[in-house]
Amino acid sequence: MKNAMIIASLGLASVLSFGASAAAHQVNAEQAQNLQPMGTVSASAVTSSPMDMRHELAAKAEKEGASSYRITEMRTGDHWHATAELYK
């Protein structure tokens, strides 16, 4: 239940911040089916929020040259951790 709440919060945060400055944008599973995968990135932080994790993943995706990314994992506990698949 906790993970579902985190993922839902992250999804809402991504919609609200769609105009963020990072060139890489978040896509859902359906949109990703039409894109070419090019690897993964992950982010971890001791203190964070869903929005912070999304920004960090977007920055890492942009650095790797990805045009899009899809969050595949999000965990919280003592620290935050998120993983995203990158797409061309």
PDB file of N, CA and C in Angstrom:
ATOM      1  N   MET A   1       0.828  -1.185   0.000  1.00  0.00           N
ATOM      2  CA  MET A   1       0.000   0.000   0.000  1.00  0.00           C
ATOM      3  C   MET A   1       0.873   1.250   0.000  1.00  0.00           C
ATOM      4  N   LYS A   2       1.959   1.216   0.793  1.00  0.00           N
ATOM      5  CA  LYS A   2       2.852   2.357   0.879  1.00  0.00           C
ATOM      6  C   LYS A   2       3.494   2.639  -0.482  1.00  0.00           C
ATOM      7  N   ASN A   3       3.930   1.577  -1.175  1.00  0.00           N
ATOM      8  CA  ASN A   3       4.546   1.753  -2.494  1.00  0.00           C
ATOM      9  C   ASN A   3       3.540   2.287  -3.499  1.00  0.00           C
ATOM     10  N   ALA A   4       2.303   1.829  -3.431  1.00  0.00           N
ATOM     11  CA  ALA A   4       1.275   2.316  -4.347  1.00  0.00           C
ATOM     12  C   ALA A   4       1.034   3.807  -4.126  1.00  0.00           C
ATOM     13  N   MET A   5       1.031   4.242  -2.880  1.00  0.00           N
ATOM     14  CA  MET A   5       0.838   5.655  -2.561  1.00  0.00           C
ATOM     15  C   MET A   5       2.007   6.481  -3.090  1.00  0.00           C
ATOM     16  N   ILE A   6       3.207   5.964  -2.967  1.00  0.00           N
ATOM     17  CA  ILE A   6       4.395   6.669  -3.454  1.00  0.00           C
ATOM     18  C   ILE A   6       4.347   6.801  -4.970  1.00  0.00           C
ATOM     19  N   ILE A   7       4.008   5.719  -5.643  1.00  0.00           N
ATOM     20  CA  ILE A   7       3.944   5.751  -7.100  1.00  0.00           C
ATOM     21  C   ILE A   7       2.852   6.708  -7.564  1.00  0.00           C
ATOM     22  N   ALA A   8       1.708   6.694  -6.889  1.00  0.00           N
ATOM     23  CA  ALA A   8       0.624   7.611  -7.242  1.00  0.00           C
ATOM     24  C   ALA A   8       1.058   9.055  -7.025  1.00  0.00           C
ATOM     25  N   SER A   9       1.747   9.324  -5.916  1.00  0.00           N
ATOM     26  CA  SER A   9       2.242  10.676  -5.641  1.00  0.00           C
ATOM     27  C   SER A   9       3.252  11.108  -6.695  1.00  0.00           C
ATOM     28  N   LEU A  10       4.112  10.177  -7.072  1.00  0.00           N
ATOM     29  CA  LEU A  10       5.113  10.486  -8.083  1.00  0.00           C
ATOM     30  C   LEU A  10       4.454  10.787  -9.421  1.00  0.00           C
ATOM     31  N   GLY A  11       3.444  10.029  -9.773  1.00  0.00           N
ATOM     32  CA  GLY A  11       2.722  10.277 -11.018  1.00  0.00           C
ATOM     33  C   GLY A  11       2.072  11.646 -11.020  1.00  0.00           C
ATOM     34  N   LEU A  12       1.431  11.999  -9.918  1.00  0.00           N
ATOM     35  CA  LEU A  12       0.810  13.315  -9.805  1.00  0.00           C
ATOM     36  C   LEU A  12       1.853  14.419  -9.873  1.00  0.00           C
ATOM     37  N   ALA A  13       2.957  14.217  -9.187  1.00  0.00           N
ATOM     38  CA  ALA A  13       4.022  15.217  -9.200  1.00  0.00           C
ATOM     39  C   ALA A  13       4.570  15.406 -10.602  1.00  0.00           C
ATOM     40  N   SER A  14       4.679  14.325 -11.345  1.00  0.00           N
ATOM     41  CA  SER A  14       5.220  14.441 -12.703  1.00  0.00           C
ATOM     42  C   SER A  14       4.259  15.193 -13.614  1.00  0.00           C
ATOM     43  N   VAL A  15       2.972  14.999 -13.427  1.00  0.00           N
ATOM     44  CA  VAL A  15       1.989  15.726 -14.227  1.00  0.00           C
ATOM     45  C   VAL A  15       2.046  17.212 -13.895  1.00  0.00           C
ATOM     46  N   LEU A  16       2.158  17.539 -12.636  1.00  0.00           N
ATOM     47  CA  LEU A  16       2.188  18.930 -12.215  1.00  0.00           C
ATOM     48  C   LEU A  16       3.452  19.650 -12.658  1.00  0.00           C
ATOM     49  N   SER A  17       4.535  18.901 -12.842  1.00  0.00           N
ATOM     50  CA  SER A  17       5.805  19.536 -13.204  1.00  0.00           C
ATOM     51  C   SER A  17       6.230  19.169 -14.616  1.00  0.00           C
ATOM     52  N   PHE A  18       5.274  18.875 -15.482  1.00  0.00           N
ATOM     53  CA  PHE A  18       5.585  18.435 -16.843  1.00  0.00           C
ATOM     54  C   PHE A  18       6.453  19.435 -17.579  1.00  0.00           C
ATOM     55  N   GLY A  19       6.326  20.708 -17.282  1.00  0.00           N
ATOM     56  CA  GLY A  19       7.108  21.728 -17.961  1.00  0.00           C
ATOM     57  C   GLY A  19       8.481  21.938 -17.358  1.00  0.00           C
ATOM     58  N   ALA A  20       9.007  20.990 -16.641  1.00  0.00           N
ATOM     59  CA  ALA A  20      10.325  21.119 -16.027  1.00  0.00           C
ATOM     60  C   ALA A  20      11.388  21.353 -17.097  1.00  0.00           C
ATOM     61  N   SER A  21      12.510  21.876 -16.678  1.00  0.00           N
ATOM     62  CA  SER A  21      13.542  22.280 -17.616  1.00  0.00           C
ATOM     63  C   SER A  21      14.289  21.115 -18.261  1.00  0.00           C
ATOM     64  N   ALA A  22      14.250  19.931 -17.686  1.00  0.00           N
ATOM     65  CA  ALA A  22      14.972  18.796 -18.264  1.00  0.00           C
ATOM     66  C   ALA A  22      14.372  18.408 -19.608  1.00  0.00           C
ATOM     67  N   ALA A  23      15.234  18.091 -20.559  1.00  0.00           N
ATOM     68  CA  ALA A  23      14.778  17.735 -21.899  1.00  0.00           C
ATOM     69  C   ALA A  23      14.129  16.354 -21.916  1.00  0.00           C
ATOM     70  N   ALA A  24      14.604  15.438 -21.085  1.00  0.00           N
ATOM     71  CA  ALA A  24      14.014  14.104 -21.027  1.00  0.00           C
ATOM     72  C   ALA A  24      12.676  14.198 -20.300  1.00  0.00           C
ATOM     73  N   HIS A  25      11.654  13.542 -20.848  1.00  0.00           N
ATOM     74  CA  HIS A  25      10.349  13.601 -20.204  1.00  0.00           C
ATOM     75  C   HIS A  25       9.891  12.193 -19.810  1.00  0.00           C
ATOM     76  N   GLN A  26       9.055  12.150 -18.801  1.00  0.00           N
ATOM     77  CA  GLN A  26       8.557  10.885 -18.280  1.00  0.00           C
ATOM     78  C   GLN A  26       7.437  10.362 -19.166  1.00  0.00           C
ATOM     79  N   VAL A  27       7.453   9.050 -19.421  1.00  0.00           N
ATOM     80  CA  VAL A  27       6.403   8.401 -20.197  1.00  0.00           C
ATOM     81  C   VAL A  27       5.825   7.256 -19.375  1.00  0.00           C
ATOM     82  N   ASN A  28       4.627   6.817 -19.763  1.00  0.00           N
ATOM     83  CA  ASN A  28       4.024   5.672 -19.084  1.00  0.00           C
ATOM     84  C   ASN A  28       4.353   4.395 -19.855  1.00  0.00           C
ATOM     85  N   ALA A  29       3.932   3.253 -19.349  1.00  0.00           N
ATOM     86  CA  ALA A  29       4.256   1.963 -19.963  1.00  0.00           C
ATOM     87  C   ALA A  29       3.716   1.858 -21.387  1.00  0.00           C
ATOM     88  N   GLU A  30       2.527   2.372 -21.624  1.00  0.00           N
ATOM     89  CA  GLU A  30       1.933   2.305 -22.962  1.00  0.00           C
ATOM     90  C   GLU A  30       2.741   3.134 -23.960  1.00  0.00           C
ATOM     91  N   GLN A  31       3.138   4.336 -23.563  1.00  0.00           N
ATOM     92  CA  GLN A  31       3.935   5.189 -24.442  1.00  0.00           C
ATOM     93  C   GLN A  31       5.312   4.582 -24.698  1.00  0.00           C
ATOM     94  N   ALA A  32       5.871   3.926 -23.702  1.00  0.00           N
ATOM     95  CA  ALA A  32       7.207   3.342 -23.821  1.00  0.00           C
ATOM     96  C   ALA A  32       7.256   2.201 -24.832  1.00  0.00           C
ATOM     97  N   GLN A  33       6.130   1.569 -25.118  1.00  0.00           N
ATOM     98  CA  GLN A  33       6.110   0.458 -26.066  1.00  0.00           C
ATOM     99  C   GLN A  33       6.554   0.893 -27.462  1.00  0.00           C
ATOM    100  N   ASN A  34       6.387   2.156 -27.784  1.00  0.00           N
ATOM    101  CA  ASN A  34       6.746   2.664 -29.099  1.00  0.00           C
ATOM    102  C   ASN A  34       8.139   3.281 -29.145  1.00  0.00           C
ATOM    103  N   LEU A  35       8.904   3.164 -28.053  1.00  0.00           N
ATOM    104  CA  LEU A  35      10.229   3.776 -27.972  1.00  0.00           C
ATOM    105  C   LEU A  35      11.312   2.704 -27.890  1.00  0.00           C
ATOM    106  N   GLN A  36      12.532   3.090 -28.246  1.00  0.00           N
ATOM    107  CA  GLN A  36      13.664   2.164 -28.214  1.00  0.00           C
ATOM    108  C   GLN A  36      14.390   2.293 -26.873  1.00  0.00           C
ATOM    109  N   PRO A  37      14.447   1.194 -26.074  1.00  0.00           N
ATOM    110  CA  PRO A  37      15.150   1.244 -24.788  1.00  0.00           C
ATOM    111  C   PRO A  37      16.654   1.448 -24.984  1.00  0.00           C
ATOM    112  N   MET A  38      17.279   2.134 -24.026  1.00  0.00           N
ATOM    113  CA  MET A  38      18.716   2.368 -24.127  1.00  0.00           C
ATOM    114  C   MET A  38      19.444   2.241 -22.796  1.00  0.00           C
ATOM    115  N   GLY A  39      18.830   1.612 -21.798  1.00  0.00           N
ATOM    116  CA  GLY A  39      19.496   1.410 -20.515  1.00  0.00           C
ATOM    117  C   GLY A  39      18.643   1.873 -19.355  1.00  0.00           C
ATOM    118  N   THR A  40      19.266   1.919 -18.184  1.00  0.00           N
ATOM    119  CA  THR A  40      18.564   2.339 -16.971  1.00  0.00           C
ATOM    120  C   THR A  40      19.435   3.297 -16.167  1.00  0.00           C
ATOM    121  N   VAL A  41      18.787   4.044 -15.292  1.00  0.00           N
ATOM    122  CA  VAL A  41      19.468   4.886 -14.311  1.00  0.00           C
ATOM    123  C   VAL A  41      18.743   4.704 -12.986  1.00  0.00           C
ATOM    124  N   SER A  42      19.441   5.009 -11.901  1.00  0.00           N
ATOM    125  CA  SER A  42      18.799   4.960 -10.595  1.00  0.00           C
ATOM    126  C   SER A  42      19.257   6.157  -9.778  1.00  0.00           C
ATOM    127  N   ALA A  43      18.487   6.464  -8.755  1.00  0.00           N
ATOM    128  CA  ALA A  43      18.785   7.586  -7.876  1.00  0.00           C
ATOM    129  C   ALA A  43      18.437   7.185  -6.456  1.00  0.00           C
ATOM    130  N   SER A  44      19.249   7.619  -5.513  1.00  0.00           N
ATOM    131  CA  SER A  44      19.011   7.348  -4.091  1.00  0.00           C
ATOM    132  C   SER A  44      19.283   8.621  -3.303  1.00  0.00           C
ATOM    133  N   ALA A  45      18.557   8.794  -2.213  1.00  0.00           N
ATOM    134  CA  ALA A  45      18.749   9.953  -1.346  1.00  0.00           C
ATOM    135  C   ALA A  45      18.297   9.609   0.066  1.00  0.00           C
ATOM    136  N   VAL A  46      18.968  10.193   1.036  1.00  0.00           N
ATOM    137  CA  VAL A  46      18.590   9.959   2.435  1.00  0.00           C
ATOM    138  C   VAL A  46      17.275  10.661   2.729  1.00  0.00           C
ATOM    139  N   THR A  47      17.166  11.912   2.355  1.00  0.00           N
ATOM    140  CA  THR A  47      15.912  12.643   2.510  1.00  0.00           C
ATOM    141  C   THR A  47      15.526  13.186   1.151  1.00  0.00           C
ATOM    142  N   SER A  48      14.291  13.024   0.801  1.00  0.00           N
ATOM    143  CA  SER A  48      13.858  13.434  -0.524  1.00  0.00           C
ATOM    144  C   SER A  48      12.349  13.473  -0.579  1.00  0.00           C
ATOM    145  N   SER A  49      11.835  13.677  -1.784  1.00  0.00           N
ATOM    146  CA  SER A  49      10.407  13.640  -2.042  1.00  0.00           C
ATOM    147  C   SER A  49      10.216  13.029  -3.418  1.00  0.00           C
ATOM    148  N   PRO A  50       9.001  12.635  -3.770  1.00  0.00           N
ATOM    149  CA  PRO A  50       8.780  12.102  -5.124  1.00  0.00           C
ATOM    150  C   PRO A  50       9.219  13.090  -6.202  1.00  0.00           C
ATOM    151  N   MET A  51       8.971  14.376  -5.999  1.00  0.00           N
ATOM    152  CA  MET A  51       9.349  15.395  -6.979  1.00  0.00           C
ATOM    153  C   MET A  51      10.870  15.457  -7.128  1.00  0.00           C
ATOM    154  N   ASP A  52      11.597  15.418  -6.003  1.00  0.00           N
ATOM    155  CA  ASP A  52      13.054  15.452  -6.062  1.00  0.00           C
ATOM    156  C   ASP A  52      13.604  14.242  -6.811  1.00  0.00           C
ATOM    157  N   MET A  53      13.041  13.082  -6.557  1.00  0.00           N
ATOM    158  CA  MET A  53      13.508  11.866  -7.224  1.00  0.00           C
ATOM    159  C   MET A  53      13.226  11.947  -8.717  1.00  0.00           C
ATOM    160  N   ARG A  54      12.083  12.474  -9.111  1.00  0.00           N
ATOM    161  CA  ARG A  54      11.741  12.616 -10.520  1.00  0.00           C
ATOM    162  C   ARG A  54      12.722  13.559 -11.213  1.00  0.00           C
ATOM    163  N   HIS A  55      13.036  14.669 -10.562  1.00  0.00           N
ATOM    164  CA  HIS A  55      13.990  15.620 -11.139  1.00  0.00           C
ATOM    165  C   HIS A  55      15.375  14.997 -11.296  1.00  0.00           C
ATOM    166  N   GLU A  56      15.782  14.225 -10.308  1.00  0.00           N
ATOM    167  CA  GLU A  56      17.097  13.584 -10.384  1.00  0.00           C
ATOM    168  C   GLU A  56      17.134  12.552 -11.517  1.00  0.00           C
ATOM    169  N   LEU A  57      16.077  11.751 -11.646  1.00  0.00           N
ATOM    170  CA  LEU A  57      16.024  10.783 -12.740  1.00  0.00           C
ATOM    171  C   LEU A  57      16.010  11.482 -14.097  1.00  0.00           C
ATOM    172  N   ALA A  58      15.264  12.565 -14.218  1.00  0.00           N
ATOM    173  CA  ALA A  58      15.206  13.313 -15.476  1.00  0.00           C
ATOM    174  C   ALA A  58      16.584  13.877 -15.834  1.00  0.00           C
ATOM    175  N   ALA A  59      17.297  14.399 -14.845  1.00  0.00           N
ATOM    176  CA  ALA A  59      18.631  14.950 -15.098  1.00  0.00           C
ATOM    177  C   ALA A  59      19.593  13.848 -15.541  1.00  0.00           C
ATOM    178  N   LYS A  60      19.519  12.692 -14.890  1.00  0.00           N
ATOM    179  CA  LYS A  60      20.389  11.575 -15.277  1.00  0.00           C
ATOM    180  C   LYS A  60      20.034  11.068 -16.672  1.00  0.00           C
ATOM    181  N   ALA A  61      18.758  11.018 -16.990  1.00  0.00           N
ATOM    182  CA  ALA A  61      18.322  10.582 -18.320  1.00  0.00           C
ATOM    183  C   ALA A  61      18.847  11.542 -19.378  1.00  0.00           C
ATOM    184  N   GLU A  62      18.737  12.832 -19.126  1.00  0.00           N
ATOM    185  CA  GLU A  62      19.220  13.838 -20.067  1.00  0.00           C
ATOM    186  C   GLU A  62      20.731  13.711 -20.258  1.00  0.00           C
ATOM    187  N   LYS A  63      21.455  13.499 -19.171  1.00  0.00           N
ATOM    188  CA  LYS A  63      22.915  13.348 -19.232  1.00  0.00           C
ATOM    189  C   LYS A  63      23.307  12.151 -20.098  1.00  0.00           C
ATOM    190  N   GLU A  64      22.503  11.087 -20.058  1.00  0.00           N
ATOM    191  CA  GLU A  64      22.774   9.881 -20.851  1.00  0.00           C
ATOM    192  C   GLU A  64      22.308  10.022 -22.305  1.00  0.00           C
ATOM    193  N   GLY A  65      21.653  11.126 -22.630  1.00  0.00           N
ATOM    194  CA  GLY A  65      21.198  11.365 -23.993  1.00  0.00           C
ATOM    195  C   GLY A  65      19.825  10.795 -24.303  1.00  0.00           C
ATOM    196  N   ALA A  66      19.062  10.441 -23.288  1.00  0.00           N
ATOM    197  CA  ALA A  66      17.719   9.889 -23.482  1.00  0.00           C
ATOM    198  C   ALA A  66      16.723  11.011 -23.738  1.00  0.00           C
ATOM    199  N   SER A  67      15.718  10.714 -24.544  1.00  0.00           N
ATOM    200  CA  SER A  67      14.649  11.691 -24.760  1.00  0.00           C
ATOM    201  C   SER A  67      13.501  11.463 -23.788  1.00  0.00           C
ATOM    202  N   SER A  68      13.405  10.224 -23.263  1.00  0.00           N
ATOM    203  CA  SER A  68      12.314   9.862 -22.351  1.00  0.00           C
ATOM    204  C   SER A  68      12.817   8.863 -21.317  1.00  0.00           C
ATOM    205  N   TYR A  69      12.053   8.754 -20.228  1.00  0.00           N
ATOM    206  CA  TYR A  69      12.331   7.732 -19.217  1.00  0.00           C
ATOM    207  C   TYR A  69      11.017   7.278 -18.601  1.00  0.00           C
ATOM    208  N   ARG A  70      11.036   6.051 -18.067  1.00  0.00           N
ATOM    209  CA  ARG A  70       9.854   5.495 -17.394  1.00  0.00           C
ATOM    210  C   ARG A  70      10.297   4.941 -16.050  1.00  0.00           C
ATOM    211  N   ILE A  71       9.687   5.414 -14.984  1.00  0.00           N
ATOM    212  CA  ILE A  71      10.026   4.939 -13.646  1.00  0.00           C
ATOM    213  C   ILE A  71       9.525   3.510 -13.491  1.00  0.00           C
ATOM    214  N   THR A  72      10.431   2.611 -13.145  1.00  0.00           N
ATOM    215  CA  THR A  72      10.092   1.200 -13.008  1.00  0.00           C
ATOM    216  C   THR A  72      10.086   0.740 -11.562  1.00  0.00           C
ATOM    217  N   GLU A  73      10.684   1.528 -10.666  1.00  0.00           N
ATOM    218  CA  GLU A  73      10.761   1.142  -9.258  1.00  0.00           C
ATOM    219  C   GLU A  73      10.874   2.391  -8.406  1.00  0.00           C
ATOM    220  N   MET A  74      10.174   2.397  -7.276  1.00  0.00           N
ATOM    221  CA  MET A  74      10.267   3.496  -6.322  1.00  0.00           C
ATOM    222  C   MET A  74      10.095   2.908  -4.933  1.00  0.00           C
ATOM    223  N   ARG A  75      11.081   3.152  -4.057  1.00  0.00           N
ATOM    224  CA  ARG A  75      11.016   2.643  -2.678  1.00  0.00           C
ATOM    225  C   ARG A  75      11.346   3.759  -1.706  1.00  0.00           C
ATOM    226  N   THR A  76      10.778   3.641  -0.525  1.00  0.00           N
ATOM    227  CA  THR A  76      11.112   4.555   0.554  1.00  0.00           C
ATOM    228  C   THR A  76      11.219   3.745   1.836  1.00  0.00           C
ATOM    229  N   GLY A  77      11.856   4.296   2.790  1.00  0.00           N
ATOM    230  CA  GLY A  77      12.080   3.662   4.084  1.00  0.00           C
ATOM    231  C   GLY A  77      13.039   4.580   4.816  1.00  0.00           C
ATOM    232  N   ASP A  78      14.248   4.089   5.094  1.00  0.00           N
ATOM    233  CA  ASP A  78      15.275   4.949   5.675  1.00  0.00           C
ATOM    234  C   ASP A  78      15.795   5.953   4.650  1.00  0.00           C
ATOM    235  N   HIS A  79      15.668   5.595   3.378  1.00  0.00           N
ATOM    236  CA  HIS A  79      16.062   6.494   2.297  1.00  0.00           C
ATOM    237  C   HIS A  79      15.216   6.202   1.061  1.00  0.00           C
ATOM    238  N   TRP A  80      15.239   7.122   0.108  1.00  0.00           N
ATOM    239  CA  TRP A  80      14.496   6.963  -1.149  1.00  0.00           C
ATOM    240  C   TRP A  80      15.375   6.267  -2.175  1.00  0.00           C
ATOM    241  N   HIS A  81      14.748   5.489  -3.040  1.00  0.00           N
ATOM    242  CA  HIS A  81      15.447   4.873  -4.178  1.00  0.00           C
ATOM    243  C   HIS A  81      14.467   4.770  -5.331  1.00  0.00           C
ATOM    244  N   ALA A  82      14.920   5.125  -6.528  1.00  0.00           N
ATOM    245  CA  ALA A  82      14.082   5.017  -7.728  1.00  0.00           C
ATOM    246  C   ALA A  82      14.944   4.551  -8.890  1.00  0.00           C
ATOM    247  N   THR A  83      14.333   3.767  -9.779  1.00  0.00           N
ATOM    248  CA  THR A  83      14.998   3.288 -10.988  1.00  0.00           C
ATOM    249  C   THR A  83      14.106   3.613 -12.174  1.00  0.00           C
ATOM    250  N   ALA A  84      14.746   3.987 -13.274  1.00  0.00           N
ATOM    251  CA  ALA A  84      13.990   4.321 -14.485  1.00  0.00           C
ATOM    252  C   ALA A  84      14.676   3.703 -15.705  1.00  0.00           C
ATOM    253  N   GLU A  85      13.850   3.280 -16.662  1.00  0.00           N
ATOM    254  CA  GLU A  85      14.354   2.795 -17.942  1.00  0.00           C
ATOM    255  C   GLU A  85      14.410   3.994 -18.884  1.00  0.00           C
ATOM    256  N   LEU A  86      15.511   4.066 -19.647  1.00  0.00           N
ATOM    257  CA  LEU A  86      15.719   5.183 -20.573  1.00  0.00           C
ATOM    258  C   LEU A  86      15.332   4.787 -21.993  1.00  0.00           C
ATOM    259  N   TYR A  87      14.875   5.777 -22.769  1.00  0.00           N
ATOM    260  CA  TYR A  87      14.462   5.541 -24.156  1.00  0.00           C
ATOM    261  C   TYR A  87      15.011   6.617 -25.067  1.00  0.00           C
ATOM    262  N   LYS A  88      15.307   6.215 -26.309  1.00  0.00           N
ATOM    263  CA  LYS A  88      15.769   7.164 -27.332  1.00  0.00           C
ATOM    264  C   LYS A  88      14.585   7.889 -27.901  1.00  0.00           C
TER     265      LYS A  88
END
